[in-house]
Amino acid sequence: MLGYRNQQGIQRGVQQGQRVVIENLLKARFGELDEQLSAIIEPLLSLTPKDLTSLLLQLSQLSREELLARFAEQPS
Protein backbone atom coordinates (compact mmCIF):
# COMPACT_ATOMS: atom_id res chain seq x y z
CA MET A 1 0.00 0.00 0.00
CA LEU A 2 2.85 2.37 0.75
CA GLY A 3 4.19 1.86 -2.77
CA TYR A 4 0.84 2.83 -4.26
CA ARG A 5 0.68 5.98 -2.13
CA ASN A 6 4.21 6.88 -3.12
CA GLN A 7 3.27 6.44 -6.78
CA GLN A 8 0.24 8.69 -6.31
CA GLY A 9 2.41 11.31 -4.64
CA ILE A 10 4.95 11.17 -7.44
CA GLN A 11 2.20 11.45 -10.06
CA ARG A 12 0.69 14.47 -8.28
CA GLY A 13 4.13 16.06 -8.12
CA VAL A 14 4.70 15.52 -11.83
CA GLN A 15 1.27 16.98 -12.67
CA GLN A 16 1.91 19.96 -10.42
CA GLY A 17 5.26 20.52 -12.12
CA GLN A 18 3.62 20.38 -15.55
CA ARG A 19 1.00 22.87 -14.39
CA VAL A 20 3.69 25.30 -13.20
CA VAL A 21 5.56 25.02 -16.52
CA ILE A 22 2.37 25.67 -18.52
CA GLU A 23 1.39 28.60 -16.28
CA ASN A 24 4.85 30.14 -16.63
CA LEU A 25 4.88 29.69 -20.42
CA LEU A 26 1.46 31.33 -20.72
CA LYS A 27 2.57 34.21 -18.47
CA ALA A 28 5.77 34.68 -20.46
CA ARG A 29 3.87 34.67 -23.76
CA PHE A 30 0.80 36.71 -22.83
CA GLY A 31 1.98 38.77 -19.86
CA GLU A 32 -0.62 37.66 -17.37
CA LEU A 33 -2.70 34.66 -16.51
CA ASP A 34 -6.30 35.84 -16.54
CA GLU A 35 -9.47 33.80 -16.06
CA GLN A 36 -9.71 32.73 -19.71
CA LEU A 37 -6.12 31.52 -19.92
CA SER A 38 -6.42 29.83 -16.52
CA ALA A 39 -9.46 27.95 -17.84
CA ILE A 40 -7.42 26.22 -20.56
CA ILE A 41 -4.74 24.87 -18.23
CA GLU A 42 -6.68 21.70 -17.36
CA PRO A 43 -7.42 20.95 -21.03
CA LEU A 44 -3.73 21.53 -21.81
CA LEU A 45 -2.76 19.09 -19.06
CA SER A 46 -5.11 16.48 -20.51
CA LEU A 47 -3.37 16.51 -23.91
CA THR A 48 -1.06 13.66 -24.80
CA PRO A 49 2.62 14.50 -24.28
CA LYS A 50 3.09 14.59 -28.07
CA ASP A 51 0.16 16.99 -28.61
CA LEU A 52 1.16 19.20 -25.67
CA THR A 53 4.75 19.45 -26.92
CA SER A 54 3.54 20.35 -30.41
CA LEU A 55 1.21 23.03 -29.06
CA LEU A 56 3.86 24.51 -26.78
CA LEU A 57 6.30 24.70 -29.69
CA GLN A 58 3.65 26.68 -31.63
CA LEU A 59 2.83 28.94 -28.69
CA SER A 60 5.12 31.79 -29.77
CA GLN A 61 3.29 31.97 -33.10
CA LEU A 62 -0.26 31.78 -31.75
CA SER A 63 -2.24 34.81 -30.71
CA ARG A 64 -4.14 34.69 -27.46
CA GLU A 65 -7.39 34.46 -29.41
CA GLU A 66 -6.12 31.58 -31.56
CA LEU A 67 -5.04 29.62 -28.49
CA LEU A 68 -8.35 30.19 -26.71
CA ALA A 69 -10.28 29.29 -29.87
CA ARG A 70 -8.53 25.91 -30.06
CA PHE A 71 -9.94 24.97 -26.69
CA ALA A 72 -13.34 26.62 -27.16
CA GLU A 73 -13.94 24.24 -30.08
CA GLN A 74 -13.27 21.14 -28.00
CA PRO A 75 -16.17 19.59 -26.07
CA SER A 76 -15.77 19.57 -22.30
PDB file of N, CA and C in Angstrom:
ATOM      1  N   MET A   1       0.821  -1.203   0.000  1.00  0.00           N
ATOM      2  CA  MET A   1       0.000   0.000   0.000  1.00  0.00           C
ATOM      3  C   MET A   1       0.861   1.261   0.000  1.00  0.00           C
ATOM      4  N   LEU A   2       1.970   1.218   0.712  1.00  0.00           N
ATOM      5  CA  LEU A   2       2.853   2.372   0.751  1.00  0.00           C
ATOM      6  C   LEU A   2       3.389   2.686  -0.641  1.00  0.00           C
ATOM      7  N   GLY A   3       3.713   1.657  -1.412  1.00  0.00           N
ATOM      8  CA  GLY A   3       4.194   1.858  -2.769  1.00  0.00           C
ATOM      9  C   GLY A   3       3.174   2.573  -3.632  1.00  0.00           C
ATOM     10  N   TYR A   4       1.913   2.198  -3.500  1.00  0.00           N
ATOM     11  CA  TYR A   4       0.837   2.832  -4.264  1.00  0.00           C
ATOM     12  C   TYR A   4       0.712   4.304  -3.883  1.00  0.00           C
ATOM     13  N   ARG A   5       0.782   4.582  -2.594  1.00  0.00           N
ATOM     14  CA  ARG A   5       0.683   5.978  -2.133  1.00  0.00           C
ATOM     15  C   ARG A   5       1.871   6.794  -2.622  1.00  0.00           C
ATOM     16  N   ASN A   6       3.040   6.182  -2.602  1.00  0.00           N
ATOM     17  CA  ASN A   6       4.215   6.885  -3.120  1.00  0.00           C
ATOM     18  C   ASN A   6       4.047   7.192  -4.601  1.00  0.00           C
ATOM     19  N   GLN A   7       3.510   6.227  -5.346  1.00  0.00           N
ATOM     20  CA  GLN A   7       3.268   6.440  -6.780  1.00  0.00           C
ATOM     21  C   GLN A   7       2.293   7.584  -7.001  1.00  0.00           C
ATOM     22  N   GLN A   8       1.228   7.606  -6.191  1.00  0.00           N
ATOM     23  CA  GLN A   8       0.245   8.685  -6.312  1.00  0.00           C
ATOM     24  C   GLN A   8       0.889  10.037  -6.022  1.00  0.00           C
ATOM     25  N   GLY A   9       1.730  10.071  -4.994  1.00  0.00           N
ATOM     26  CA  GLY A   9       2.414  11.312  -4.641  1.00  0.00           C
ATOM     27  C   GLY A   9       3.343  11.778  -5.747  1.00  0.00           C
ATOM     28  N   ILE A  10       4.052  10.839  -6.330  1.00  0.00           N
ATOM     29  CA  ILE A  10       4.948  11.173  -7.439  1.00  0.00           C
ATOM     30  C   ILE A  10       4.150  11.697  -8.622  1.00  0.00           C
ATOM     31  N   GLN A  11       3.035  11.024  -8.933  1.00  0.00           N
ATOM     32  CA  GLN A  11       2.199  11.448 -10.059  1.00  0.00           C
ATOM     33  C   GLN A  11       1.646  12.855  -9.822  1.00  0.00           C
ATOM     34  N   ARG A  12       1.193  13.130  -8.593  1.00  0.00           N
ATOM     35  CA  ARG A  12       0.691  14.467  -8.278  1.00  0.00           C
ATOM     36  C   ARG A  12       1.793  15.512  -8.431  1.00  0.00           C
ATOM     37  N   GLY A  13       3.001  15.146  -7.995  1.00  0.00           N
ATOM     38  CA  GLY A  13       4.131  16.061  -8.120  1.00  0.00           C
ATOM     39  C   GLY A  13       4.470  16.364  -9.569  1.00  0.00           C
ATOM     40  N   VAL A  14       4.434  15.336 -10.403  1.00  0.00           N
ATOM     41  CA  VAL A  14       4.702  15.524 -11.834  1.00  0.00           C
ATOM     42  C   VAL A  14       3.633  16.424 -12.448  1.00  0.00           C
ATOM     43  N   GLN A  15       2.364  16.163 -12.131  1.00  0.00           N
ATOM     44  CA  GLN A  15       1.271  16.977 -12.674  1.00  0.00           C
ATOM     45  C   GLN A  15       1.383  18.424 -12.204  1.00  0.00           C
ATOM     46  N   GLN A  16       1.753  18.605 -10.946  1.00  0.00           N
ATOM     47  CA  GLN A  16       1.906  19.959 -10.418  1.00  0.00           C
ATOM     48  C   GLN A  16       3.053  20.678 -11.134  1.00  0.00           C
ATOM     49  N   GLY A  17       4.136  19.949 -11.390  1.00  0.00           N
ATOM     50  CA  GLY A  17       5.263  20.524 -12.124  1.00  0.00           C
ATOM     51  C   GLY A  17       4.873  20.917 -13.537  1.00  0.00           C
ATOM     52  N   GLN A  18       4.093  20.063 -14.196  1.00  0.00           N
ATOM     53  CA  GLN A  18       3.624  20.380 -15.548  1.00  0.00           C
ATOM     54  C   GLN A  18       2.734  21.618 -15.527  1.00  0.00           C
ATOM     55  N   ARG A  19       1.888  21.711 -14.523  1.00  0.00           N
ATOM     56  CA  ARG A  19       1.004  22.875 -14.387  1.00  0.00           C
ATOM     57  C   ARG A  19       1.825  24.154 -14.251  1.00  0.00           C
ATOM     58  N   VAL A  20       2.850  24.119 -13.417  1.00  0.00           N
ATOM     59  CA  VAL A  20       3.693  25.300 -13.204  1.00  0.00           C
ATOM     60  C   VAL A  20       4.391  25.702 -14.501  1.00  0.00           C
ATOM     61  N   VAL A  21       4.895  24.729 -15.248  1.00  0.00           N
ATOM     62  CA  VAL A  21       5.559  25.021 -16.522  1.00  0.00           C
ATOM     63  C   VAL A  21       4.574  25.675 -17.491  1.00  0.00           C
ATOM     64  N   ILE A  22       3.382  25.108 -17.608  1.00  0.00           N
ATOM     65  CA  ILE A  22       2.373  25.669 -18.518  1.00  0.00           C
ATOM     66  C   ILE A  22       1.981  27.078 -18.081  1.00  0.00           C
ATOM     67  N   GLU A  23       1.738  27.269 -16.783  1.00  0.00           N
ATOM     68  CA  GLU A  23       1.386  28.602 -16.281  1.00  0.00           C
ATOM     69  C   GLU A  23       2.484  29.611 -16.605  1.00  0.00           C
ATOM     70  N   ASN A  24       3.736  29.225 -16.373  1.00  0.00           N
ATOM     71  CA  ASN A  24       4.849  30.141 -16.634  1.00  0.00           C
ATOM     72  C   ASN A  24       5.009  30.447 -18.119  1.00  0.00           C
ATOM     73  N   LEU A  25       4.811  29.450 -18.973  1.00  0.00           N
ATOM     74  CA  LEU A  25       4.877  29.693 -20.419  1.00  0.00           C
ATOM     75  C   LEU A  25       3.770  30.644 -20.869  1.00  0.00           C
ATOM     76  N   LEU A  26       2.568  30.443 -20.354  1.00  0.00           N
ATOM     77  CA  LEU A  26       1.461  31.334 -20.715  1.00  0.00           C
ATOM     78  C   LEU A  26       1.716  32.756 -20.219  1.00  0.00           C
ATOM     79  N   LYS A  27       2.243  32.880 -18.998  1.00  0.00           N
ATOM     80  CA  LYS A  27       2.567  34.213 -18.469  1.00  0.00           C
ATOM     81  C   LYS A  27       3.654  34.881 -19.298  1.00  0.00           C
ATOM     82  N   ALA A  28       4.678  34.121 -19.666  1.00  0.00           N
ATOM     83  CA  ALA A  28       5.774  34.682 -20.464  1.00  0.00           C
ATOM     84  C   ALA A  28       5.278  35.128 -21.836  1.00  0.00           C
ATOM     85  N   ARG A  29       4.364  34.368 -22.410  1.00  0.00           N
ATOM     86  CA  ARG A  29       3.872  34.672 -23.758  1.00  0.00           C
ATOM     87  C   ARG A  29       2.849  35.802 -23.762  1.00  0.00           C
ATOM     88  N   PHE A  30       1.934  35.783 -22.790  1.00  0.00           N
ATOM     89  CA  PHE A  30       0.802  36.713 -22.829  1.00  0.00           C
ATOM     90  C   PHE A  30       0.822  37.771 -21.729  1.00  0.00           C
ATOM     91  N   GLY A  31       1.811  37.718 -20.856  1.00  0.00           N
ATOM     92  CA  GLY A  31       1.977  38.775 -19.863  1.00  0.00           C
ATOM     93  C   GLY A  31       1.247  38.573 -18.556  1.00  0.00           C
ATOM     94  N   GLU A  32       0.129  37.930 -18.590  1.00  0.00           N
ATOM     95  CA  GLU A  32      -0.619  37.662 -17.369  1.00  0.00           C
ATOM     96  C   GLU A  32      -1.464  36.416 -17.563  1.00  0.00           C
ATOM     97  N   LEU A  33      -1.887  35.862 -16.467  1.00  0.00           N
ATOM     98  CA  LEU A  33      -2.704  34.656 -16.507  1.00  0.00           C
ATOM     99  C   LEU A  33      -4.096  35.029 -16.003  1.00  0.00           C
ATOM    100  N   ASP A  34      -4.960  35.434 -16.931  1.00  0.00           N
ATOM    101  CA  ASP A  34      -6.305  35.841 -16.545  1.00  0.00           C
ATOM    102  C   ASP A  34      -7.227  34.622 -16.465  1.00  0.00           C
ATOM    103  N   GLU A  35      -8.491  34.882 -16.245  1.00  0.00           N
ATOM    104  CA  GLU A  35      -9.470  33.804 -16.062  1.00  0.00           C
ATOM    105  C   GLU A  35      -9.586  32.914 -17.300  1.00  0.00           C
ATOM    106  N   GLN A  36      -9.580  33.517 -18.479  1.00  0.00           N
ATOM    107  CA  GLN A  36      -9.715  32.731 -19.712  1.00  0.00           C
ATOM    108  C   GLN A  36      -8.512  31.825 -19.941  1.00  0.00           C
ATOM    109  N   LEU A  37      -7.316  32.350 -19.746  1.00  0.00           N
ATOM    110  CA  LEU A  37      -6.120  31.523 -19.919  1.00  0.00           C
ATOM    111  C   LEU A  37      -6.039  30.456 -18.829  1.00  0.00           C
ATOM    112  N   SER A  38      -6.414  30.812 -17.616  1.00  0.00           N
ATOM    113  CA  SER A  38      -6.418  29.831 -16.523  1.00  0.00           C
ATOM    114  C   SER A  38      -7.362  28.675 -16.834  1.00  0.00           C
ATOM    115  N   ALA A  39      -8.452  28.976 -17.528  1.00  0.00           N
ATOM    116  CA  ALA A  39      -9.455  27.949 -17.839  1.00  0.00           C
ATOM    117  C   ALA A  39      -8.950  26.904 -18.825  1.00  0.00           C
ATOM    118  N   ILE A  40      -7.912  27.213 -19.591  1.00  0.00           N
ATOM    119  CA  ILE A  40      -7.422  26.217 -20.559  1.00  0.00           C
ATOM    120  C   ILE A  40      -6.269  25.376 -20.012  1.00  0.00           C
ATOM    121  N   ILE A  41      -5.852  25.641 -18.790  1.00  0.00           N
ATOM    122  CA  ILE A  41      -4.736  24.875 -18.225  1.00  0.00           C
ATOM    123  C   ILE A  41      -5.105  23.405 -18.068  1.00  0.00           C
ATOM    124  N   GLU A  42      -6.269  23.114 -17.517  1.00  0.00           N
ATOM    125  CA  GLU A  42      -6.682  21.705 -17.363  1.00  0.00           C
ATOM    126  C   GLU A  42      -6.765  20.991 -18.713  1.00  0.00           C
ATOM    127  N   PRO A  43      -7.415  21.603 -19.714  1.00  0.00           N
ATOM    128  CA  PRO A  43      -7.419  20.949 -21.031  1.00  0.00           C
ATOM    129  C   PRO A  43      -6.010  20.751 -21.600  1.00  0.00           C
ATOM    130  N   LEU A  44      -5.117  21.700 -21.357  1.00  0.00           N
ATOM    131  CA  LEU A  44      -3.731  21.530 -21.805  1.00  0.00           C
ATOM    132  C   LEU A  44      -3.090  20.332 -21.117  1.00  0.00           C
ATOM    133  N   LEU A  45      -3.331  20.199 -19.824  1.00  0.00           N
ATOM    134  CA  LEU A  45      -2.762  19.087 -19.062  1.00  0.00           C
ATOM    135  C   LEU A  45      -3.317  17.744 -19.507  1.00  0.00           C
ATOM    136  N   SER A  46      -4.499  17.748 -20.095  1.00  0.00           N
ATOM    137  CA  SER A  46      -5.109  16.482 -20.512  1.00  0.00           C
ATOM    138  C   SER A  46      -4.645  16.036 -21.904  1.00  0.00           C
ATOM    139  N   LEU A  47      -3.894  16.892 -22.597  1.00  0.00           N
ATOM    140  CA  LEU A  47      -3.367  16.508 -23.910  1.00  0.00           C
ATOM    141  C   LEU A  47      -2.313  15.415 -23.757  1.00  0.00           C
ATOM    142  N   THR A  48      -2.139  14.645 -24.807  1.00  0.00           N
ATOM    143  CA  THR A  48      -1.059  13.658 -24.797  1.00  0.00           C
ATOM    144  C   THR A  48       0.268  14.424 -24.777  1.00  0.00           C
ATOM    145  N   PRO A  49       1.327  13.810 -24.274  1.00  0.00           N
ATOM    146  CA  PRO A  49       2.623  14.502 -24.278  1.00  0.00           C
ATOM    147  C   PRO A  49       3.023  14.994 -25.672  1.00  0.00           C
ATOM    148  N   LYS A  50       2.752  14.202 -26.695  1.00  0.00           N
ATOM    149  CA  LYS A  50       3.088  14.594 -28.070  1.00  0.00           C
ATOM    150  C   LYS A  50       2.308  15.841 -28.491  1.00  0.00           C
ATOM    151  N   ASP A  51       0.988  15.852 -28.231  1.00  0.00           N
ATOM    152  CA  ASP A  51       0.156  16.993 -28.609  1.00  0.00           C
ATOM    153  C   ASP A  51       0.515  18.242 -27.801  1.00  0.00           C
ATOM    154  N   LEU A  52       0.790  18.064 -26.507  1.00  0.00           N
ATOM    155  CA  LEU A  52       1.164  19.203 -25.665  1.00  0.00           C
ATOM    156  C   LEU A  52       2.482  19.809 -26.142  1.00  0.00           C
ATOM    157  N   THR A  53       3.453  18.970 -26.431  1.00  0.00           N
ATOM    158  CA  THR A  53       4.746  19.453 -26.920  1.00  0.00           C
ATOM    159  C   THR A  53       4.573  20.224 -28.220  1.00  0.00           C
ATOM    160  N   SER A  54       3.786  19.683 -29.128  1.00  0.00           N
ATOM    161  CA  SER A  54       3.535  20.346 -30.405  1.00  0.00           C
ATOM    162  C   SER A  54       2.891  21.716 -30.193  1.00  0.00           C
ATOM    163  N   LEU A  55       1.896  21.770 -29.330  1.00  0.00           N
ATOM    164  CA  LEU A  55       1.210  23.034 -29.065  1.00  0.00           C
ATOM    165  C   LEU A  55       2.149  24.040 -28.413  1.00  0.00           C
ATOM    166  N   LEU A  56       2.945  23.592 -27.461  1.00  0.00           N
ATOM    167  CA  LEU A  56       3.858  24.509 -26.781  1.00  0.00           C
ATOM    168  C   LEU A  56       4.921  25.047 -27.732  1.00  0.00           C
ATOM    169  N   LEU A  57       5.340  24.233 -28.689  1.00  0.00           N
ATOM    170  CA  LEU A  57       6.298  24.705 -29.690  1.00  0.00           C
ATOM    171  C   LEU A  57       5.678  25.768 -30.601  1.00  0.00           C
ATOM    172  N   GLN A  58       4.370  25.708 -30.793  1.00  0.00           N
ATOM    173  CA  GLN A  58       3.654  26.678 -31.633  1.00  0.00           C
ATOM    174  C   GLN A  58       3.244  27.930 -30.857  1.00  0.00           C
ATOM    175  N   LEU A  59       3.366  27.885 -29.545  1.00  0.00           N
ATOM    176  CA  LEU A  59       2.829  28.940 -28.687  1.00  0.00           C
ATOM    177  C   LEU A  59       3.321  30.337 -29.068  1.00  0.00           C
ATOM    178  N   SER A  60       4.574  30.464 -29.439  1.00  0.00           N
ATOM    179  CA  SER A  60       5.115  31.790 -29.767  1.00  0.00           C
ATOM    180  C   SER A  60       4.502  32.366 -31.040  1.00  0.00           C
ATOM    181  N   GLN A  61       3.885  31.516 -31.846  1.00  0.00           N
ATOM    182  CA  GLN A  61       3.290  31.969 -33.102  1.00  0.00           C
ATOM    183  C   GLN A  61       1.776  32.140 -33.008  1.00  0.00           C
ATOM    184  N   LEU A  62       1.194  31.690 -31.910  1.00  0.00           N
ATOM    185  CA  LEU A  62      -0.259  31.783 -31.750  1.00  0.00           C
ATOM    186  C   LEU A  62      -0.635  33.058 -31.017  1.00  0.00           C
ATOM    187  N   SER A  63      -1.698  33.684 -31.471  1.00  0.00           N
ATOM    188  CA  SER A  63      -2.241  34.808 -30.711  1.00  0.00           C
ATOM    189  C   SER A  63      -3.047  34.238 -29.545  1.00  0.00           C
ATOM    190  N   ARG A  64      -3.332  35.093 -28.614  1.00  0.00           N
ATOM    191  CA  ARG A  64      -4.143  34.689 -27.462  1.00  0.00           C
ATOM    192  C   ARG A  64      -5.492  34.151 -27.941  1.00  0.00           C
ATOM    193  N   GLU A  65      -6.082  34.847 -28.892  1.00  0.00           N
ATOM    194  CA  GLU A  65      -7.393  34.463 -29.413  1.00  0.00           C
ATOM    195  C   GLU A  65      -7.342  33.106 -30.113  1.00  0.00           C
ATOM    196  N   GLU A  66      -6.268  32.870 -30.873  1.00  0.00           N
ATOM    197  CA  GLU A  66      -6.122  31.580 -31.564  1.00  0.00           C
ATOM    198  C   GLU A  66      -5.995  30.432 -30.563  1.00  0.00           C
ATOM    199  N   LEU A  67      -5.214  30.660 -29.517  1.00  0.00           N
ATOM    200  CA  LEU A  67      -5.042  29.624 -28.494  1.00  0.00           C
ATOM    201  C   LEU A  67      -6.367  29.337 -27.795  1.00  0.00           C
ATOM    202  N   LEU A  68      -7.064  30.378 -27.384  1.00  0.00           N
ATOM    203  CA  LEU A  68      -8.351  30.190 -26.707  1.00  0.00           C
ATOM    204  C   LEU A  68      -9.361  29.518 -27.631  1.00  0.00           C
ATOM    205  N   ALA A  69      -9.343  29.873 -28.913  1.00  0.00           N
ATOM    206  CA  ALA A  69     -10.280  29.285 -29.874  1.00  0.00           C
ATOM    207  C   ALA A  69     -10.057  27.788 -30.026  1.00  0.00           C
ATOM    208  N   ARG A  70      -8.820  27.349 -29.952  1.00  0.00           N
ATOM    209  CA  ARG A  70      -8.534  25.909 -30.065  1.00  0.00           C
ATOM    210  C   ARG A  70      -9.227  25.113 -28.971  1.00  0.00           C
ATOM    211  N   PHE A  71      -9.332  25.699 -27.801  1.00  0.00           N
ATOM    212  CA  PHE A  71      -9.945  24.971 -26.694  1.00  0.00           C
ATOM    213  C   PHE A  71     -11.430  25.252 -26.565  1.00  0.00           C
ATOM    214  N   ALA A  72     -11.900  26.341 -27.149  1.00  0.00           N
ATOM    215  CA  ALA A  72     -13.335  26.624 -27.158  1.00  0.00           C
ATOM    216  C   ALA A  72     -14.054  25.652 -28.075  1.00  0.00           C
ATOM    217  N   GLU A  73     -13.343  25.161 -29.109  1.00  0.00           N
ATOM    218  CA  GLU A  73     -13.944  24.245 -30.080  1.00  0.00           C
ATOM    219  C   GLU A  73     -14.067  22.831 -29.544  1.00  0.00           C
ATOM    220  N   GLN A  74     -13.269  22.503 -28.525  1.00  0.00           N
ATOM    221  CA  GLN A  74     -13.274  21.138 -27.998  1.00  0.00           C
ATOM    222  C   GLN A  74     -14.409  20.969 -26.998  1.00  0.00           C
ATOM    223  N   PRO A  75     -15.127  19.833 -27.063  1.00  0.00           N
ATOM    224  CA  PRO A  75     -16.175  19.586 -26.074  1.00  0.00           C
ATOM    225  C   PRO A  75     -15.560  19.345 -24.706  1.00  0.00           C
ATOM    226  N   SER A  76     -16.269  19.741 -23.671  1.00  0.00           N
ATOM    227  CA  SER A  76     -15.775  19.569 -22.297  1.00  0.00           C
ATOM    228  C   SER A  76     -15.824  18.146 -21.850  1.00  0.00           C
TER     229      SER A  76
END
